[in-house]
Amino acid sequence: MSGLIALAVAYVLSQFYRSFLAVLTPQLTIELGADKADLSLASGVWFISFAIMQFAVGVGLDRFGPRRTAALIFGVAAAGGAFVFATAQSPTAVVIAMALIGAGCSPVLMASLFIFAQRFDARQFAVMTSSLVAFGNLGNVVGTSPLAAAAEAYGWRVVMAGLGGLSLLVAAAILILVRDPKVDAPSGAGLSGYITLMKSPVLWAIMIMTLLCYAPVAGIRGLWAGPYLTDLYTADSLLIGKVTLWMAMAMVAGSLAYGPLDKVFNTRKWVVFFGNFFVLLALLMFVFQPVPGITTATILFIIIGLCGTSYGVVMAHGRSFLPPHLVGRGVTLINFCSIFGAGLMQFVTGSLVAAQPDSSSSLTYQVLFGSYAVLLTIALLIYLTSKDAPPGTVAGQTR
């Protein structure tokens, strides 16, 4: 249990690192000359490096276990990236730092899910995953008003250096406290296991949903809430911190709420579908009324945060179709889709914003929210073709 606690703390840091740029937007713009394109690139690189690392992480989990895989990668890359960020003198340095941090955070959640899958009843997978995600989303909370206050008091460089030191301590705790579960020797050696999984049609619709459904909540909370509030409401870091705090708290509540819903309704597919449908409605509200007032905008952010955290249930949906000997690679493949989609959309949205004649106008943000709405609509339509996997379903038993 102490090992899982260490991994959970690391996951709090992972959630913080993927979302803190929104609050530091004014400081990074003034001190380093970073514009929206730079920040979008930095945020996108975090997700892409995280996603690419999933393949190495999956092999590492199956071959070497979660203890060494998580401790080594998190300690070297995440902590190192935080120190690079703290000493950054240009937007390029910020991008490099975010790439390192993204790679460093890549094994943390997967190590926990690997242990869940090997040690606990599969029927508890959605609840345990959603609970861990909810706890991890405290990092989103810390990356709002608390970060803004700390940056105001001590400076963002000191804060980032402190987080680098904390990351080193957490990595050491993982190495000392985590106990690897006993598993059979893995078959499907190396990357060939991923090829085996990709040949399973039952996973395709689930992976496409995973690819696109996390992008809106990750992109808006992690980056675009900051420029949106700055451009259309002349918000400073403290106001951005307050608004994003509500969204972050909604993400915690949403993760907790999603956990038991598959058991309550005896379905995973429809829990994921209708939750993300409400996210789509909130996005469309921004499209039709991009400046609805700060209170209404905050409520819409809350809805996106509350309903956009279906990760635990969609992961459980995919987990139900994974053969036991490929669990490590299976959960990392699904997670790759989630993180890669979020990162890819950061590049897409950044390009769309940069292409507008006035990147600070309300029309620009209509395009931004509209792009998320279009892709989420596509994901929902494809997901309708997926097979359901109620709690208790094992590979080969679908409906």
Protein backbone atom coordinates (compact mmCIF):
# COMPACT_ATOMS: atom_id res chain seq x y z
CA MET A 1 0.00 0.00 0.00
CA SER A 2 2.84 2.43 0.79
CA GLY A 3 4.17 1.88 -2.72
CA LEU A 4 0.81 2.79 -4.25
CA ILE A 5 0.78 5.94 -2.12
CA ALA A 6 4.20 6.92 -3.52
CA LEU A 7 2.93 6.35 -7.06
CA ALA A 8 -0.21 8.35 -6.28
CA VAL A 9 1.88 11.32 -5.10
CA ALA A 10 3.92 11.07 -8.30
CA TYR A 11 0.66 11.12 -10.25
CA VAL A 12 -0.37 14.32 -8.46
CA LEU A 13 2.86 15.85 -9.76
CA SER A 14 2.16 14.46 -13.23
CA GLN A 15 -1.24 16.16 -13.31
CA PHE A 16 0.31 19.39 -12.08
CA TYR A 17 3.03 19.35 -14.72
CA ARG A 18 0.54 18.91 -17.56
CA SER A 19 -1.65 21.84 -16.51
CA PHE A 20 0.40 24.60 -14.85
CA LEU A 21 1.28 26.58 -17.98
CA ALA A 22 -2.16 28.23 -18.09
CA VAL A 23 -1.54 30.02 -14.79
CA LEU A 24 2.01 31.10 -15.67
CA THR A 25 0.95 32.53 -19.05
CA PRO A 26 1.39 36.22 -18.05
CA GLN A 27 4.83 35.70 -16.45
CA LEU A 28 6.22 33.56 -19.27
CA THR A 29 4.95 36.08 -21.83
CA ILE A 30 6.54 39.04 -20.07
CA GLU A 31 9.82 37.48 -18.89
CA LEU A 32 10.62 35.10 -21.74
CA GLY A 33 8.64 36.61 -24.61
CA ALA A 34 6.61 33.41 -25.02
CA ASP A 35 3.54 33.83 -27.25
CA LYS A 36 0.50 31.57 -27.68
CA ALA A 37 2.27 29.48 -30.33
CA ASP A 38 5.24 28.90 -27.99
CA LEU A 39 3.01 27.89 -25.09
CA SER A 40 0.88 25.65 -27.31
CA LEU A 41 4.04 23.98 -28.60
CA ALA A 42 5.39 23.50 -25.07
CA SER A 43 2.12 22.01 -23.87
CA GLY A 44 1.80 19.80 -26.93
CA VAL A 45 5.38 18.55 -26.61
CA TRP A 46 4.66 17.45 -23.03
CA PHE A 47 1.83 15.23 -24.25
CA ILE A 48 3.66 13.92 -27.32
CA SER A 49 6.81 12.94 -25.39
CA PHE A 50 4.60 11.35 -22.74
CA ALA A 51 2.68 9.45 -25.42
CA ILE A 52 5.72 8.18 -27.32
CA MET A 53 7.24 6.93 -24.07
CA GLN A 54 4.21 4.69 -23.49
CA PHE A 55 5.64 2.00 -25.76
CA ALA A 56 8.87 1.81 -23.80
CA VAL A 57 6.93 1.98 -20.53
CA GLY A 58 4.66 -0.90 -21.57
CA VAL A 59 7.61 -3.14 -22.34
CA GLY A 60 9.32 -2.03 -19.13
CA LEU A 61 6.29 -2.85 -17.00
CA ASP A 62 5.93 -6.34 -18.48
CA ARG A 63 9.68 -7.10 -18.37
CA PHE A 64 11.11 -5.20 -15.40
CA GLY A 65 8.07 -4.34 -13.26
CA PRO A 66 6.61 -1.01 -12.14
CA ARG A 67 9.13 -0.23 -9.39
CA ARG A 68 12.26 0.24 -11.49
CA THR A 69 10.40 1.50 -14.55
CA ALA A 70 8.59 4.31 -12.72
CA ALA A 71 11.36 5.32 -10.31
CA LEU A 72 14.12 5.61 -12.92
CA ILE A 73 12.17 7.46 -15.60
CA PHE A 74 10.36 9.82 -13.21
CA GLY A 75 13.47 10.60 -11.19
CA VAL A 76 15.72 11.35 -14.16
CA ALA A 77 13.41 13.02 -16.68
CA ALA A 78 10.65 14.68 -14.63
CA ALA A 79 12.96 16.12 -12.00
CA GLY A 80 15.54 17.07 -14.62
CA GLY A 81 12.91 18.80 -16.73
CA ALA A 82 11.66 20.81 -13.76
CA PHE A 83 15.19 22.08 -13.12
CA VAL A 84 15.60 22.99 -16.81
CA PHE A 85 12.29 24.90 -16.65
CA ALA A 86 13.42 26.77 -13.52
CA THR A 87 16.52 28.04 -15.34
CA ALA A 88 14.87 28.71 -18.73
CA GLN A 89 15.94 31.89 -20.51
CA SER A 90 13.87 31.44 -23.67
CA PRO A 91 10.68 29.80 -24.97
CA THR A 92 12.86 27.10 -26.56
CA ALA A 93 14.18 26.11 -23.14
CA VAL A 94 10.61 25.86 -21.87
CA VAL A 95 9.75 23.51 -24.75
CA ILE A 96 12.77 21.31 -23.95
CA ALA A 97 11.87 21.27 -20.29
CA MET A 98 8.28 20.27 -21.01
CA ALA A 99 9.47 17.45 -23.29
CA LEU A 100 11.63 16.06 -20.48
CA ILE A 101 8.87 16.42 -17.89
CA GLY A 102 6.36 14.71 -20.17
CA ALA A 103 8.69 11.76 -20.69
CA GLY A 104 9.36 11.61 -16.97
CA CYS A 105 5.69 11.48 -16.03
CA SER A 106 4.91 8.76 -18.58
CA PRO A 107 5.23 5.65 -16.35
CA VAL A 108 3.50 6.84 -13.19
CA LEU A 109 -0.17 6.16 -13.89
CA MET A 110 0.59 3.06 -15.94
CA ALA A 111 2.66 1.56 -13.12
CA SER A 112 -0.33 1.97 -10.81
CA LEU A 113 -2.79 0.49 -13.33
CA PHE A 114 -0.43 -2.43 -13.92
CA ILE A 115 -0.50 -3.20 -10.20
CA PHE A 116 -4.30 -2.81 -10.09
CA ALA A 117 -4.71 -5.20 -13.03
CA GLN A 118 -2.40 -7.85 -11.56
CA ARG A 119 -3.39 -7.74 -7.90
CA PHE A 120 -7.06 -6.81 -7.75
CA ASP A 121 -10.42 -8.04 -9.08
CA ALA A 122 -11.09 -6.78 -12.62
CA ARG A 123 -14.55 -5.61 -11.50
CA GLN A 124 -12.85 -3.01 -9.29
CA PHE A 125 -10.64 -1.66 -12.07
CA ALA A 126 -12.86 1.29 -13.06
CA VAL A 127 -13.44 2.40 -9.45
CA MET A 128 -9.76 2.11 -8.52
CA THR A 129 -8.58 3.86 -11.67
CA SER A 130 -11.13 6.66 -11.31
CA SER A 131 -10.22 7.10 -7.64
CA LEU A 132 -6.54 7.37 -8.51
CA VAL A 133 -7.28 9.87 -11.28
CA ALA A 134 -9.42 11.89 -8.86
CA PHE A 135 -6.58 11.95 -6.33
CA GLY A 136 -4.10 12.84 -9.05
CA ASN A 137 -6.28 15.72 -10.16
CA LEU A 138 -5.34 17.42 -6.92
CA GLY A 139 -2.28 18.33 -8.97
CA ASN A 140 -4.62 20.30 -11.22
CA VAL A 141 -5.93 22.06 -8.12
CA VAL A 142 -2.42 22.91 -6.91
CA GLY A 143 -1.65 24.24 -10.38
CA THR A 144 -4.32 26.96 -10.08
CA SER A 145 -4.67 29.52 -7.27
CA PRO A 146 -1.99 27.91 -5.04
CA LEU A 147 0.54 28.06 -7.88
CA ALA A 148 -0.43 31.63 -8.71
CA ALA A 149 -0.01 32.66 -5.08
CA ALA A 150 3.33 30.85 -4.75
CA ALA A 151 4.64 32.37 -7.97
CA GLU A 152 3.61 35.83 -6.78
CA ALA A 153 5.30 35.30 -3.41
CA TYR A 154 8.51 33.50 -4.38
CA GLY A 155 8.77 33.70 -8.16
CA TRP A 156 8.02 30.95 -10.63
CA ARG A 157 11.65 29.88 -10.93
CA VAL A 158 11.97 29.09 -7.23
CA VAL A 159 8.68 27.20 -7.32
CA MET A 160 9.77 25.05 -10.26
CA ALA A 161 13.15 24.31 -8.68
CA GLY A 162 11.36 23.20 -5.51
CA LEU A 163 9.12 20.91 -7.54
CA GLY A 164 12.21 19.39 -9.16
CA GLY A 165 13.59 18.55 -5.73
CA LEU A 166 10.24 17.11 -4.65
CA SER A 167 10.15 14.95 -7.78
CA LEU A 168 13.53 13.46 -6.87
CA LEU A 169 12.27 12.59 -3.39
CA VAL A 170 9.12 10.95 -4.76
CA ALA A 171 11.17 8.91 -7.25
CA ALA A 172 13.32 7.65 -4.36
CA ALA A 173 10.17 6.71 -2.44
CA ILE A 174 8.88 4.71 -5.41
CA LEU A 175 12.17 2.81 -5.64
CA ILE A 176 12.10 1.98 -1.93
CA LEU A 177 8.41 1.33 -1.32
CA VAL A 178 6.87 -0.18 -4.47
CA ARG A 179 6.69 -3.99 -4.60
CA ASP A 180 6.41 -5.54 -8.03
CA PRO A 181 3.49 -7.98 -8.44
CA LYS A 182 4.35 -11.56 -9.30
CA VAL A 183 3.44 -12.20 -12.93
CA ASP A 184 4.17 -14.87 -15.49
CA ALA A 185 7.03 -14.27 -17.87
CA PRO A 186 5.67 -12.04 -20.66
CA SER A 187 5.05 -13.37 -24.13
CA GLY A 188 4.73 -11.24 -27.24
CA ALA A 189 8.22 -9.97 -26.57
CA GLY A 190 9.00 -6.31 -27.04
CA LEU A 191 6.94 -4.21 -29.42
CA SER A 192 5.37 -7.25 -31.11
CA GLY A 193 2.83 -7.33 -28.28
CA TYR A 194 1.50 -3.99 -29.48
CA ILE A 195 1.07 -5.39 -32.97
CA THR A 196 -0.97 -8.24 -31.52
CA LEU A 197 -3.22 -5.77 -29.73
CA MET A 198 -3.64 -3.58 -32.82
CA LYS A 199 -4.99 -6.61 -34.69
CA SER A 200 -7.96 -6.76 -32.28
CA PRO A 201 -10.89 -4.91 -33.94
CA VAL A 202 -12.81 -4.74 -30.66
CA LEU A 203 -10.27 -2.19 -29.39
CA TRP A 204 -10.38 0.16 -32.38
CA ALA A 205 -13.46 2.23 -31.53
CA ILE A 206 -12.39 2.42 -27.89
CA MET A 207 -8.94 3.67 -28.85
CA ILE A 208 -10.39 6.34 -31.16
CA MET A 209 -12.66 7.53 -28.36
CA THR A 210 -9.69 7.61 -26.02
CA LEU A 211 -7.68 9.47 -28.66
CA LEU A 212 -10.15 12.36 -28.81
CA CYS A 213 -12.22 12.56 -25.62
CA TYR A 214 -9.42 13.70 -23.27
CA ALA A 215 -8.17 16.45 -25.58
CA PRO A 216 -10.79 19.13 -24.73
CA VAL A 217 -10.46 18.95 -20.95
CA ALA A 218 -6.66 18.59 -21.09
CA GLY A 219 -6.18 21.36 -23.63
CA ILE A 220 -8.54 23.87 -22.03
CA ARG A 221 -7.45 23.28 -18.44
CA GLY A 222 -3.78 22.83 -19.28
CA LEU A 223 -3.39 25.82 -21.60
CA TRP A 224 -6.25 27.60 -23.34
CA ALA A 225 -8.16 28.73 -20.26
CA GLY A 226 -5.27 31.10 -19.54
CA PRO A 227 -5.09 32.90 -22.91
CA TYR A 228 -8.92 32.85 -23.21
CA LEU A 229 -9.38 34.61 -19.88
CA THR A 230 -6.48 36.98 -20.56
CA ASP A 231 -7.66 38.01 -24.02
CA LEU A 232 -11.41 38.25 -23.52
CA TYR A 233 -11.63 39.18 -19.81
CA THR A 234 -8.21 40.88 -19.25
CA ALA A 235 -7.60 38.41 -16.41
CA ASP A 236 -4.35 38.30 -14.46
CA SER A 237 -2.73 35.18 -12.98
CA LEU A 238 -4.78 35.35 -9.79
CA LEU A 239 -8.12 35.50 -11.63
CA ILE A 240 -7.01 32.74 -14.01
CA GLY A 241 -6.05 30.72 -10.94
CA LYS A 242 -9.48 31.20 -9.38
CA VAL A 243 -11.40 30.18 -12.51
CA THR A 244 -9.19 27.19 -13.28
CA LEU A 245 -9.41 26.14 -9.62
CA TRP A 246 -13.14 25.56 -10.10
CA MET A 247 -12.46 23.53 -13.24
CA ALA A 248 -9.76 21.51 -11.48
CA MET A 249 -12.06 20.78 -8.54
CA ALA A 250 -14.72 19.67 -11.02
CA MET A 251 -12.21 17.27 -12.56
CA VAL A 252 -11.60 15.72 -9.14
CA ALA A 253 -15.32 15.39 -8.52
CA GLY A 254 -15.93 14.04 -12.01
CA SER A 255 -13.29 11.35 -11.67
CA LEU A 256 -14.82 10.21 -8.39
CA ALA A 257 -18.34 10.29 -9.81
CA TYR A 258 -17.44 8.27 -12.91
CA GLY A 259 -15.88 5.46 -10.86
CA PRO A 260 -19.03 3.64 -9.67
CA LEU A 261 -21.31 4.61 -12.58
CA ASP A 262 -20.48 1.54 -14.66
CA LYS A 263 -21.79 -0.62 -11.80
CA VAL A 264 -24.81 1.60 -11.16
CA PHE A 265 -25.95 1.43 -14.80
CA ASN A 266 -24.26 -1.90 -15.64
CA THR A 267 -22.59 -0.40 -18.69
CA ARG A 268 -19.32 1.27 -19.51
CA LYS A 269 -20.01 2.31 -23.08
CA TRP A 270 -23.03 4.45 -22.33
CA VAL A 271 -21.52 6.05 -19.24
CA VAL A 272 -18.61 7.25 -21.38
CA PHE A 273 -20.84 8.27 -24.28
CA PHE A 274 -23.32 10.43 -22.37
CA GLY A 275 -20.66 12.00 -20.16
CA ASN A 276 -18.74 13.22 -23.19
CA PHE A 277 -21.95 14.29 -24.88
CA PHE A 278 -22.38 16.88 -22.11
CA VAL A 279 -18.82 18.08 -22.78
CA LEU A 280 -19.82 18.55 -26.42
CA LEU A 281 -22.82 20.67 -25.40
CA ALA A 282 -20.60 22.94 -23.27
CA LEU A 283 -18.15 23.37 -26.14
CA LEU A 284 -20.98 24.31 -28.48
CA MET A 285 -22.11 26.95 -25.97
CA PHE A 286 -18.68 28.57 -26.28
CA VAL A 287 -18.91 28.36 -30.07
CA PHE A 288 -22.24 30.16 -30.23
CA GLN A 289 -21.44 32.60 -27.39
CA PRO A 290 -17.67 32.94 -26.93
CA VAL A 291 -17.94 35.70 -24.31
CA PRO A 292 -20.86 34.65 -22.11
CA GLY A 293 -19.63 36.48 -19.01
CA ILE A 294 -17.08 35.31 -16.47
CA THR A 295 -19.62 33.46 -14.32
CA THR A 296 -21.15 31.54 -17.23
CA ALA A 297 -17.73 30.79 -18.69
CA THR A 298 -16.64 29.39 -15.33
CA ILE A 299 -19.75 27.20 -15.18
CA LEU A 300 -19.03 25.87 -18.68
CA PHE A 301 -15.44 25.11 -17.66
CA ILE A 302 -16.82 23.27 -14.64
CA ILE A 303 -19.11 21.17 -16.87
CA ILE A 304 -16.19 20.29 -19.16
CA GLY A 305 -14.05 19.36 -16.15
CA LEU A 306 -16.82 17.36 -14.46
CA CYS A 307 -17.95 15.40 -17.51
CA GLY A 308 -14.64 15.20 -19.38
CA THR A 309 -12.91 12.94 -16.86
CA SER A 310 -14.25 9.62 -18.15
CA TYR A 311 -10.71 8.21 -18.38
CA GLY A 312 -11.18 5.58 -15.67
CA VAL A 313 -14.28 4.08 -17.27
CA VAL A 314 -13.01 4.14 -20.86
CA MET A 315 -9.75 2.57 -19.67
CA ALA A 316 -11.75 -0.15 -17.90
CA HIS A 317 -13.74 -0.62 -21.11
CA GLY A 318 -10.54 -1.31 -23.03
CA ARG A 319 -8.97 -3.31 -20.17
CA SER A 320 -11.82 -5.82 -20.34
CA PHE A 321 -10.62 -6.97 -23.77
CA LEU A 322 -6.90 -7.34 -22.94
CA PRO A 323 -5.28 -10.79 -22.61
CA PRO A 324 -3.55 -11.22 -19.22
CA HIS A 325 -0.03 -11.53 -20.65
CA LEU A 326 -0.36 -8.21 -22.48
CA VAL A 327 -1.93 -6.08 -19.74
CA GLY A 328 1.13 -3.84 -19.38
CA ARG A 329 1.32 -3.10 -23.08
CA GLY A 330 -2.45 -2.97 -23.41
CA VAL A 331 -3.04 -0.26 -20.82
CA THR A 332 -0.09 1.75 -22.14
CA LEU A 333 -1.43 1.48 -25.71
CA ILE A 334 -4.80 2.85 -24.63
CA ASN A 335 -3.11 5.52 -22.56
CA PHE A 336 -0.93 6.42 -25.55
CA CYS A 337 -4.10 7.19 -27.50
CA SER A 338 -5.38 9.42 -24.70
CA ILE A 339 -2.18 11.42 -24.28
CA PHE A 340 -1.19 11.52 -27.96
CA GLY A 341 -4.63 12.85 -28.90
CA ALA A 342 -4.35 15.61 -26.31
CA GLY A 343 -0.87 16.54 -27.51
CA LEU A 344 -1.81 16.44 -31.19
CA MET A 345 -4.75 18.74 -30.52
CA GLN A 346 -2.46 21.23 -28.79
CA PHE A 347 -0.52 21.51 -32.06
CA VAL A 348 -3.72 21.69 -34.12
CA THR A 349 -5.38 24.32 -31.94
CA GLY A 350 -2.16 26.29 -31.68
CA SER A 351 -1.92 26.40 -35.48
CA LEU A 352 -5.57 27.39 -35.81
CA VAL A 353 -5.17 30.23 -33.33
CA ALA A 354 -1.95 31.44 -34.95
CA ALA A 355 -3.64 31.44 -38.38
CA GLN A 356 -6.34 33.90 -37.29
CA PRO A 357 -5.94 37.57 -38.28
CA ASP A 358 -6.42 38.58 -34.64
CA SER A 359 -5.39 35.80 -32.27
CA SER A 360 -6.98 37.65 -29.33
CA SER A 361 -10.47 38.03 -30.80
CA SER A 362 -13.65 36.22 -29.81
CA LEU A 363 -13.79 34.70 -33.32
CA THR A 364 -10.45 33.01 -32.66
CA TYR A 365 -11.86 31.28 -29.60
CA GLN A 366 -14.97 30.26 -31.51
CA VAL A 367 -12.62 28.46 -33.92
CA LEU A 368 -10.72 26.97 -30.99
CA PHE A 369 -13.74 25.57 -29.17
CA GLY A 370 -15.33 24.58 -32.47
CA SER A 371 -12.33 22.42 -33.40
CA TYR A 372 -12.69 20.50 -30.14
CA ALA A 373 -16.43 20.14 -30.73
CA VAL A 374 -15.98 18.72 -34.24
CA LEU A 375 -13.45 16.10 -33.19
CA LEU A 376 -15.44 15.08 -30.12
CA THR A 377 -18.51 14.62 -32.34
CA ILE A 378 -16.50 12.31 -34.61
CA ALA A 379 -15.27 10.35 -31.59
CA LEU A 380 -18.79 9.91 -30.23
CA LEU A 381 -20.14 8.68 -33.55
CA ILE A 382 -17.35 6.12 -33.93
CA TYR A 383 -17.71 5.04 -30.29
CA LEU A 384 -21.34 4.16 -30.95
CA THR A 385 -20.03 1.16 -32.91
CA SER A 386 -18.03 -0.23 -29.96
CA LYS A 387 -19.01 -3.32 -28.00
CA ASP A 388 -20.08 -2.73 -24.43
CA ALA A 389 -18.22 -4.36 -21.52
CA PRO A 390 -20.26 -4.24 -18.31
CA PRO A 391 -18.43 -4.72 -14.99
CA GLY A 392 -17.19 -8.29 -14.68
CA THR A 393 -16.67 -8.74 -18.43
CA VAL A 394 -13.48 -10.60 -19.33
CA ALA A 395 -11.76 -10.92 -22.67
CA GLY A 396 -13.97 -12.76 -25.12
CA GLN A 397 -17.22 -12.00 -23.30
CA THR A 398 -18.84 -8.97 -24.89
CA ARG A 399 -22.20 -7.65 -25.79
